PDB file of all heavy atoms in Angstrom:
ATOM      1  N   ALA A   1     121.080  93.096  88.149  1.00  0.00           N
ATOM      2  CA  ALA A   1     120.155  93.484  89.225  1.00  0.00           C
ATOM      3  C   ALA A   1     120.807  93.608  90.602  1.00  0.00           C
ATOM      4  O   ALA A   1     120.127  93.621  91.611  1.00  0.00           O
ATOM      5  CB  ALA A   1     118.946  92.547  89.277  1.00  0.00           C
ATOM      6  N   HIS A   2     122.128  93.734  90.667  1.00  0.00           N
ATOM      7  CA  HIS A   2     122.818  93.968  91.941  1.00  0.00           C
ATOM      8  C   HIS A   2     122.714  95.454  92.285  1.00  0.00           C
ATOM      9  O   HIS A   2     123.175  96.299  91.517  1.00  0.00           O
ATOM     10  CB  HIS A   2     124.297  93.555  91.824  1.00  0.00           C
ATOM     11  CG  HIS A   2     125.114  93.916  93.014  1.00  0.00           C
ATOM     12  ND1 HIS A   2     125.051  93.222  94.197  1.00  0.00           N
ATOM     13  CD2 HIS A   2     126.006  94.917  93.211  1.00  0.00           C
ATOM     14  CE1 HIS A   2     125.874  93.778  95.072  1.00  0.00           C
ATOM     15  NE2 HIS A   2     126.468  94.808  94.492  1.00  0.00           N
ATOM     16  N   PRO A   3     122.099  95.804  93.432  1.00  0.00           N
ATOM     17  CA  PRO A   3     121.979  97.228  93.781  1.00  0.00           C
ATOM     18  C   PRO A   3     123.353  97.830  94.075  1.00  0.00           C
ATOM     19  O   PRO A   3     124.180  97.217  94.746  1.00  0.00           O
ATOM     20  CB  PRO A   3     121.098  97.223  95.026  1.00  0.00           C
ATOM     21  CG  PRO A   3     121.212  95.854  95.591  1.00  0.00           C
ATOM     22  CD  PRO A   3     121.518  94.933  94.440  1.00  0.00           C
ATOM     23  N   VAL A   4     123.574  99.039  93.561  1.00  0.00           N
ATOM     24  CA  VAL A   4     124.852  99.714  93.716  1.00  0.00           C
ATOM     25  C   VAL A   4     124.699 100.981  94.549  1.00  0.00           C
ATOM     26  O   VAL A   4     125.483 101.247  95.445  1.00  0.00           O
ATOM     27  CB  VAL A   4     125.455 100.073  92.334  1.00  0.00           C
ATOM     28  CG1 VAL A   4     126.727 100.875  92.482  1.00  0.00           C
ATOM     29  CG2 VAL A   4     125.692  98.830  91.507  1.00  0.00           C
ATOM     30  N   PHE A   5     123.662 101.749  94.270  1.00  0.00           N
ATOM     31  CA  PHE A   5     123.515 103.080  94.848  1.00  0.00           C
ATOM     32  C   PHE A   5     122.039 103.448  94.879  1.00  0.00           C
ATOM     33  O   PHE A   5     121.322 103.183  93.917  1.00  0.00           O
ATOM     34  CB  PHE A   5     124.282 104.068  93.951  1.00  0.00           C
ATOM     35  CG  PHE A   5     124.657 105.363  94.583  1.00  0.00           C
ATOM     36  CD1 PHE A   5     125.743 105.461  95.429  1.00  0.00           C
ATOM     37  CD2 PHE A   5     123.946 106.506  94.312  1.00  0.00           C
ATOM     38  CE1 PHE A   5     126.108 106.667  95.999  1.00  0.00           C
ATOM     39  CE2 PHE A   5     124.294 107.714  94.865  1.00  0.00           C
ATOM     40  CZ  PHE A   5     125.386 107.799  95.716  1.00  0.00           C
ATOM     41  N   LEU A   6     121.593 104.044  95.978  1.00  0.00           N
ATOM     42  CA  LEU A   6     120.208 104.493  96.104  1.00  0.00           C
ATOM     43  C   LEU A   6     120.182 105.990  96.388  1.00  0.00           C
ATOM     44  O   LEU A   6     120.999 106.478  97.171  1.00  0.00           O
ATOM     45  CB  LEU A   6     119.502 103.763  97.255  1.00  0.00           C
ATOM     46  CG  LEU A   6     119.526 102.243  97.228  1.00  0.00           C
ATOM     47  CD1 LEU A   6     118.933 101.694  98.518  1.00  0.00           C
ATOM     48  CD2 LEU A   6     118.788 101.721  96.019  1.00  0.00           C
ATOM     49  N   VAL A   7     119.264 106.688  95.771  1.00  0.00           N
ATOM     50  CA  VAL A   7     119.048 108.102  96.053  1.00  0.00           C
ATOM     51  C   VAL A   7     117.584 108.235  96.457  1.00  0.00           C
ATOM     52  O   VAL A   7     116.690 108.006  95.645  1.00  0.00           O
ATOM     53  CB  VAL A   7     119.337 108.994  94.825  1.00  0.00           C
ATOM     54  CG1 VAL A   7     119.171 110.461  95.192  1.00  0.00           C
ATOM     55  CG2 VAL A   7     120.730 108.731  94.268  1.00  0.00           C
ATOM     56  N   ASP A   8     117.357 108.561  97.730  1.00  0.00           N
ATOM     57  CA  ASP A   8     115.997 108.686  98.253  1.00  0.00           C
ATOM     58  C   ASP A   8     115.681 110.141  98.557  1.00  0.00           C
ATOM     59  O   ASP A   8     116.546 110.885  99.033  1.00  0.00           O
ATOM     60  CB  ASP A   8     115.829 107.860  99.535  1.00  0.00           C
ATOM     61  CG  ASP A   8     115.973 106.373  99.279  1.00  0.00           C
ATOM     62  OD1 ASP A   8     115.350 105.884  98.324  1.00  0.00           O
ATOM     63  OD2 ASP A   8     116.715 105.718 100.032  1.00  0.00           O
ATOM     64  N   VAL A   9     114.444 110.521  98.300  1.00  0.00           N
ATOM     65  CA  VAL A   9     113.967 111.857  98.636  1.00  0.00           C
ATOM     66  C   VAL A   9     113.068 111.703  99.852  1.00  0.00           C
ATOM     67  O   VAL A   9     112.049 111.027  99.804  1.00  0.00           O
ATOM     68  CB  VAL A   9     113.190 112.494  97.461  1.00  0.00           C
ATOM     69  CG1 VAL A   9     112.684 113.865  97.843  1.00  0.00           C
ATOM     70  CG2 VAL A   9     114.058 112.550  96.211  1.00  0.00           C
ATOM     71  N   VAL A  10     113.483 112.328 100.966  1.00  0.00           N
ATOM     72  CA  VAL A  10     112.727 112.252 102.213  1.00  0.00           C
ATOM     73  C   VAL A  10     112.517 113.668 102.724  1.00  0.00           C
ATOM     74  O   VAL A  10     113.481 114.378 103.018  1.00  0.00           O
ATOM     75  CB  VAL A  10     113.478 111.408 103.272  1.00  0.00           C
ATOM     76  CG1 VAL A  10     112.701 111.361 104.569  1.00  0.00           C
ATOM     77  CG2 VAL A  10     113.752 110.010 102.747  1.00  0.00           C
ATOM     78  N   ASP A  11     111.268 114.081 102.804  1.00  0.00           N
ATOM     79  CA  ASP A  11     110.924 115.437 103.265  1.00  0.00           C
ATOM     80  C   ASP A  11     111.716 116.506 102.526  1.00  0.00           C
ATOM     81  O   ASP A  11     112.221 117.458 103.113  1.00  0.00           O
ATOM     82  CB  ASP A  11     111.152 115.578 104.774  1.00  0.00           C
ATOM     83  CG  ASP A  11     110.221 114.711 105.591  1.00  0.00           C
ATOM     84  OD1 ASP A  11     109.100 114.424 105.118  1.00  0.00           O
ATOM     85  OD2 ASP A  11     110.613 114.310 106.701  1.00  0.00           O
ATOM     86  N   GLY A  12     111.862 116.331 101.219  1.00  0.00           N
ATOM     87  CA  GLY A  12     112.553 117.310 100.394  1.00  0.00           C
ATOM     88  C   GLY A  12     114.071 117.239 100.456  1.00  0.00           C
ATOM     89  O   GLY A  12     114.760 118.014  99.800  1.00  0.00           O
ATOM     90  N   GLN A  13     114.620 116.318 101.235  1.00  0.00           N
ATOM     91  CA  GLN A  13     116.067 116.151 101.352  1.00  0.00           C
ATOM     92  C   GLN A  13     116.513 114.944 100.527  1.00  0.00           C
ATOM     93  O   GLN A  13     115.810 113.943 100.449  1.00  0.00           O
ATOM     94  CB  GLN A  13     116.463 115.917 102.817  1.00  0.00           C
ATOM     95  CG  GLN A  13     116.109 117.054 103.740  1.00  0.00           C
ATOM     96  CD  GLN A  13     116.927 118.307 103.453  1.00  0.00           C
ATOM     97  OE1 GLN A  13     118.116 118.229 103.168  1.00  0.00           O
ATOM     98  NE2 GLN A  13     116.280 119.453 103.510  1.00  0.00           N
ATOM     99  N   ILE A  14     117.695 115.048  99.943  1.00  0.00           N
ATOM    100  CA  ILE A  14     118.260 113.957  99.164  1.00  0.00           C
ATOM    101  C   ILE A  14     119.166 113.126 100.078  1.00  0.00           C
ATOM    102  O   ILE A  14     120.094 113.646 100.686  1.00  0.00           O
ATOM    103  CB  ILE A  14     119.087 114.490  97.979  1.00  0.00           C
ATOM    104  CG1 ILE A  14     118.233 115.368  97.069  1.00  0.00           C
ATOM    105  CG2 ILE A  14     119.750 113.358  97.214  1.00  0.00           C
ATOM    106  CD1 ILE A  14     117.140 114.654  96.320  1.00  0.00           C
ATOM    107  N   LEU A  15     118.875 111.838 100.191  1.00  0.00           N
ATOM    108  CA  LEU A  15     119.684 110.912 100.983  1.00  0.00           C
ATOM    109  C   LEU A  15     120.272 109.867 100.055  1.00  0.00           C
ATOM    110  O   LEU A  15     119.541 109.251  99.271  1.00  0.00           O
ATOM    111  CB  LEU A  15     118.829 110.227 102.047  1.00  0.00           C
ATOM    112  CG  LEU A  15     118.074 111.145 103.004  1.00  0.00           C
ATOM    113  CD1 LEU A  15     117.159 110.325 103.903  1.00  0.00           C
ATOM    114  CD2 LEU A  15     119.047 111.947 103.832  1.00  0.00           C
ATOM    115  N   VAL A  16     121.580 109.674 100.128  1.00  0.00           N
ATOM    116  CA  VAL A  16     122.232 108.708  99.246  1.00  0.00           C
ATOM    117  C   VAL A  16     122.777 107.535 100.048  1.00  0.00           C
ATOM    118  O   VAL A  16     123.219 107.701 101.186  1.00  0.00           O
ATOM    119  CB  VAL A  16     123.357 109.367  98.414  1.00  0.00           C
ATOM    120  CG1 VAL A  16     122.793 110.422  97.492  1.00  0.00           C
ATOM    121  CG2 VAL A  16     124.417 109.969  99.309  1.00  0.00           C
ATOM    122  N   THR A  17     122.719 106.365  99.454  1.00  0.00           N
ATOM    123  CA  THR A  17     123.221 105.148 100.090  1.00  0.00           C
ATOM    124  C   THR A  17     124.091 104.395  99.100  1.00  0.00           C
ATOM    125  O   THR A  17     123.641 104.056  98.007  1.00  0.00           O
ATOM    126  CB  THR A  17     122.052 104.234 100.525  1.00  0.00           C
ATOM    127  OG1 THR A  17     121.192 104.955 101.385  1.00  0.00           O
ATOM    128  CG2 THR A  17     122.562 102.987 101.217  1.00  0.00           C
ATOM    129  N   ASP A  18     125.329 104.151  99.501  1.00  0.00           N
ATOM    130  CA  ASP A  18     126.225 103.293  98.731  1.00  0.00           C
ATOM    131  C   ASP A  18     125.972 101.876  99.230  1.00  0.00           C
ATOM    132  O   ASP A  18     126.324 101.533 100.360  1.00  0.00           O
ATOM    133  CB  ASP A  18     127.674 103.722  98.959  1.00  0.00           C
ATOM    134  CG  ASP A  18     128.660 102.887  98.170  1.00  0.00           C
ATOM    135  OD1 ASP A  18     128.435 101.665  98.013  1.00  0.00           O
ATOM    136  OD2 ASP A  18     129.660 103.452  97.722  1.00  0.00           O
ATOM    137  N   CYS A  19     125.341 101.055  98.445  1.00  0.00           N
ATOM    138  CA  CYS A  19     124.903  99.720  98.884  1.00  0.00           C
ATOM    139  C   CYS A  19     126.062  98.813  99.275  1.00  0.00           C
ATOM    140  O   CYS A  19     125.953  98.054 100.240  1.00  0.00           O
ATOM    141  CB  CYS A  19     124.056  99.071  97.803  1.00  0.00           C
ATOM    142  SG  CYS A  19     122.540  99.983  97.456  1.00  0.00           S
ATOM    143  N   ASP A  20     127.180  98.886  98.552  1.00  0.00           N
ATOM    144  CA  ASP A  20     128.328  98.040  98.893  1.00  0.00           C
ATOM    145  C   ASP A  20     128.920  98.437 100.241  1.00  0.00           C
ATOM    146  O   ASP A  20     129.259  97.575 101.055  1.00  0.00           O
ATOM    147  CB  ASP A  20     129.393  98.100  97.799  1.00  0.00           C
ATOM    148  CG  ASP A  20     128.942  97.431  96.512  1.00  0.00           C
ATOM    149  OD1 ASP A  20     128.089  96.516  96.585  1.00  0.00           O
ATOM    150  OD2 ASP A  20     129.440  97.821  95.440  1.00  0.00           O
ATOM    151  N   MET A  21     129.030  99.730 100.502  1.00  0.00           N
ATOM    152  CA  MET A  21     129.560 100.191 101.790  1.00  0.00           C
ATOM    153  C   MET A  21     128.606  99.828 102.921  1.00  0.00           C
ATOM    154  O   MET A  21     129.033  99.439 104.007  1.00  0.00           O
ATOM    155  CB  MET A  21     129.820 101.693 101.758  1.00  0.00           C
ATOM    156  CG  MET A  21     131.018 102.069 100.916  1.00  0.00           C
ATOM    157  SD  MET A  21     131.375 103.826 100.914  1.00  0.00           S
ATOM    158  CE  MET A  21     131.941 104.054 102.594  1.00  0.00           C
ATOM    159  N   GLN A  22     127.308  99.953 102.668  1.00  0.00           N
ATOM    160  CA  GLN A  22     126.310  99.604 103.680  1.00  0.00           C
ATOM    161  C   GLN A  22     126.389  98.109 104.006  1.00  0.00           C
ATOM    162  O   GLN A  22     126.337  97.718 105.166  1.00  0.00           O
ATOM    163  CB  GLN A  22     124.918  99.972 103.189  1.00  0.00           C
ATOM    164  CG  GLN A  22     123.841  99.748 104.225  1.00  0.00           C
ATOM    165  CD  GLN A  22     122.466 100.128 103.692  1.00  0.00           C
ATOM    166  OE1 GLN A  22     122.124  99.811 102.557  1.00  0.00           O
ATOM    167  NE2 GLN A  22     121.694 100.794 104.508  1.00  0.00           N
ATOM    168  N   GLN A  23     126.539  97.279 102.990  1.00  0.00           N
ATOM    169  CA  GLN A  23     126.643  95.833 103.206  1.00  0.00           C
ATOM    170  C   GLN A  23     127.913  95.488 103.981  1.00  0.00           C
ATOM    171  O   GLN A  23     127.894  94.649 104.884  1.00  0.00           O
ATOM    172  CB  GLN A  23     126.609  95.072 101.878  1.00  0.00           C
ATOM    173  CG  GLN A  23     126.602  93.563 102.045  1.00  0.00           C
ATOM    174  CD  GLN A  23     125.368  93.054 102.773  1.00  0.00           C
ATOM    175  OE1 GLN A  23     124.258  93.463 102.469  1.00  0.00           O
ATOM    176  NE2 GLN A  23     125.563  92.180 103.748  1.00  0.00           N
ATOM    177  N   ALA A  24     129.017  96.151 103.653  1.00  0.00           N
ATOM    178  CA  ALA A  24     130.275  95.895 104.360  1.00  0.00           C
ATOM    179  C   ALA A  24     130.154  96.281 105.838  1.00  0.00           C
ATOM    180  O   ALA A  24     130.635  95.550 106.713  1.00  0.00           O
ATOM    181  CB  ALA A  24     131.413  96.662 103.695  1.00  0.00           C
ATOM    182  N   ALA A  25     129.514  97.412 106.114  1.00  0.00           N
ATOM    183  CA  ALA A  25     129.320  97.842 107.506  1.00  0.00           C
ATOM    184  C   ALA A  25     128.435  96.851 108.253  1.00  0.00           C
ATOM    185  O   ALA A  25     128.694  96.522 109.417  1.00  0.00           O
ATOM    186  CB  ALA A  25     128.715  99.241 107.541  1.00  0.00           C
ATOM    187  N   TRP A  26     127.398  96.354 107.594  1.00  0.00           N
ATOM    188  CA  TRP A  26     126.504  95.378 108.223  1.00  0.00           C
ATOM    189  C   TRP A  26     127.253  94.072 108.518  1.00  0.00           C
ATOM    190  O   TRP A  26     127.134  93.507 109.597  1.00  0.00           O
ATOM    191  CB  TRP A  26     125.295  95.116 107.332  1.00  0.00           C
ATOM    192  CG  TRP A  26     124.390  94.058 107.879  1.00  0.00           C
ATOM    193  CD1 TRP A  26     124.238  92.782 107.431  1.00  0.00           C
ATOM    194  CD2 TRP A  26     123.527  94.165 109.024  1.00  0.00           C
ATOM    195  NE1 TRP A  26     123.344  92.098 108.195  1.00  0.00           N
ATOM    196  CE2 TRP A  26     122.886  92.922 109.191  1.00  0.00           C
ATOM    197  CE3 TRP A  26     123.238  95.192 109.907  1.00  0.00           C
ATOM    198  CZ2 TRP A  26     121.968  92.680 110.204  1.00  0.00           C
ATOM    199  CZ3 TRP A  26     122.324  94.947 110.923  1.00  0.00           C
ATOM    200  CH2 TRP A  26     121.699  93.711 111.070  1.00  0.00           C
ATOM    201  N   ASP A  27     128.040  93.608 107.551  1.00  0.00           N
ATOM    202  CA  ASP A  27     128.812  92.375 107.747  1.00  0.00           C
ATOM    203  C   ASP A  27     129.784  92.521 108.916  1.00  0.00           C
ATOM    204  O   ASP A  27     129.934  91.601 109.723  1.00  0.00           O
ATOM    205  CB  ASP A  27     129.581  92.010 106.470  1.00  0.00           C
ATOM    206  CG  ASP A  27     128.663  91.573 105.336  1.00  0.00           C
ATOM    207  OD1 ASP A  27     127.476  91.262 105.600  1.00  0.00           O
ATOM    208  OD2 ASP A  27     129.141  91.552 104.181  1.00  0.00           O
ATOM    209  N   GLN A  28     130.425  93.668 109.036  1.00  0.00           N
ATOM    210  CA  GLN A  28     131.346  93.912 110.139  1.00  0.00           C
ATOM    211  C   GLN A  28     130.602  93.921 111.471  1.00  0.00           C
ATOM    212  O   GLN A  28     131.066  93.359 112.456  1.00  0.00           O
ATOM    213  CB  GLN A  28     132.081  95.231 109.943  1.00  0.00           C
ATOM    214  CG  GLN A  28     133.103  95.495 111.021  1.00  0.00           C
ATOM    215  CD  GLN A  28     133.855  96.800 110.799  1.00  0.00           C
ATOM    216  OE1 GLN A  28     133.594  97.528 109.842  1.00  0.00           O
ATOM    217  NE2 GLN A  28     134.789  97.093 111.683  1.00  0.00           N
ATOM    218  N   PHE A  29     129.430  94.548 111.505  1.00  0.00           N
ATOM    219  CA  PHE A  29     128.620  94.584 112.724  1.00  0.00           C
ATOM    220  C   PHE A  29     128.256  93.171 113.166  1.00  0.00           C
ATOM    221  O   PHE A  29     128.396  92.814 114.331  1.00  0.00           O
ATOM    222  CB  PHE A  29     127.357  95.405 112.489  1.00  0.00           C
ATOM    223  CG  PHE A  29     126.367  95.327 113.608  1.00  0.00           C
ATOM    224  CD1 PHE A  29     126.555  96.054 114.772  1.00  0.00           C
ATOM    225  CD2 PHE A  29     125.244  94.505 113.511  1.00  0.00           C
ATOM    226  CE1 PHE A  29     125.643  95.977 115.812  1.00  0.00           C
ATOM    227  CE2 PHE A  29     124.329  94.416 114.538  1.00  0.00           C
ATOM    228  CZ  PHE A  29     124.532  95.153 115.703  1.00  0.00           C
ATOM    229  N   ILE A  30     127.813  92.347 112.226  1.00  0.00           N
ATOM    230  CA  ILE A  30     127.428  90.969 112.544  1.00  0.00           C
ATOM    231  C   ILE A  30     128.641  90.181 113.029  1.00  0.00           C
ATOM    232  O   ILE A  30     128.560  89.428 113.992  1.00  0.00           O
ATOM    233  CB  ILE A  30     126.796  90.276 111.304  1.00  0.00           C
ATOM    234  CG1 ILE A  30     125.467  90.954 110.951  1.00  0.00           C
ATOM    235  CG2 ILE A  30     126.607  88.787 111.538  1.00  0.00           C
ATOM    236  CD1 ILE A  30     124.424  90.889 112.035  1.00  0.00           C
ATOM    237  N   GLU A  31     129.780  90.365 112.372  1.00  0.00           N
ATOM    238  CA  GLU A  31     130.995  89.668 112.752  1.00  0.00           C
ATOM    239  C   GLU A  31     131.413  90.043 114.177  1.00  0.00           C
ATOM    240  O   GLU A  31     131.769  89.172 114.973  1.00  0.00           O
ATOM    241  CB  GLU A  31     132.110  90.033 111.766  1.00  0.00           C
ATOM    242  CG  GLU A  31     133.345  89.197 111.877  1.00  0.00           C
ATOM    243  CD  GLU A  31     134.330  89.549 110.789  1.00  0.00           C
ATOM    244  OE1 GLU A  31     134.021  89.262 109.618  1.00  0.00           O
ATOM    245  OE2 GLU A  31     135.386  90.106 111.135  1.00  0.00           O
ATOM    246  N   GLU A  32     131.354  91.327 114.520  1.00  0.00           N
ATOM    247  CA  GLU A  32     131.716  91.777 115.871  1.00  0.00           C
ATOM    248  C   GLU A  32     130.692  91.284 116.900  1.00  0.00           C
ATOM    249  O   GLU A  32     131.061  90.929 118.012  1.00  0.00           O
ATOM    250  CB  GLU A  32     131.818  93.298 115.905  1.00  0.00           C
ATOM    251  CG  GLU A  32     133.030  93.816 115.171  1.00  0.00           C
ATOM    252  CD  GLU A  32     133.055  95.328 115.074  1.00  0.00           C
ATOM    253  OE1 GLU A  32     132.173  96.006 115.654  1.00  0.00           O
ATOM    254  OE2 GLU A  32     133.972  95.841 114.404  1.00  0.00           O
ATOM    255  N   ASP A  33     129.430  91.253 116.506  1.00  0.00           N
ATOM    256  CA  ASP A  33     128.369  90.778 117.403  1.00  0.00           C
ATOM    257  C   ASP A  33     128.544  89.294 117.715  1.00  0.00           C
ATOM    258  O   ASP A  33     128.278  88.851 118.825  1.00  0.00           O
ATOM    259  CB  ASP A  33     126.994  91.049 116.789  1.00  0.00           C
ATOM    260  CG  ASP A  33     125.879  90.827 117.782  1.00  0.00           C
ATOM    261  OD1 ASP A  33     125.969  91.368 118.913  1.00  0.00           O
ATOM    262  OD2 ASP A  33     124.901  90.117 117.435  1.00  0.00           O
ATOM    263  N   ASP A  34     129.003  88.529 116.731  1.00  0.00           N
ATOM    264  CA  ASP A  34     129.228  87.092 116.920  1.00  0.00           C
ATOM    265  C   ASP A  34     130.364  86.809 117.904  1.00  0.00           C
ATOM    266  O   ASP A  34     130.390  85.769 118.543  1.00  0.00           O
ATOM    267  CB  ASP A  34     129.516  86.401 115.587  1.00  0.00           C
ATOM    268  CG  ASP A  34     128.277  86.277 114.715  1.00  0.00           C
ATOM    269  OD1 ASP A  34     127.145  86.442 115.242  1.00  0.00           O
ATOM    270  OD2 ASP A  34     128.441  86.007 113.508  1.00  0.00           O
TER     271      ASP A  34
END
């Protein structure tokens, strides 16, 4: 149940999210903010 990849349909457009890359970017943001 670990999320890997999301494909969302928004207004007819396909948006993809790599969950591991998103988490890494968030962790870096928090680290820099600290």
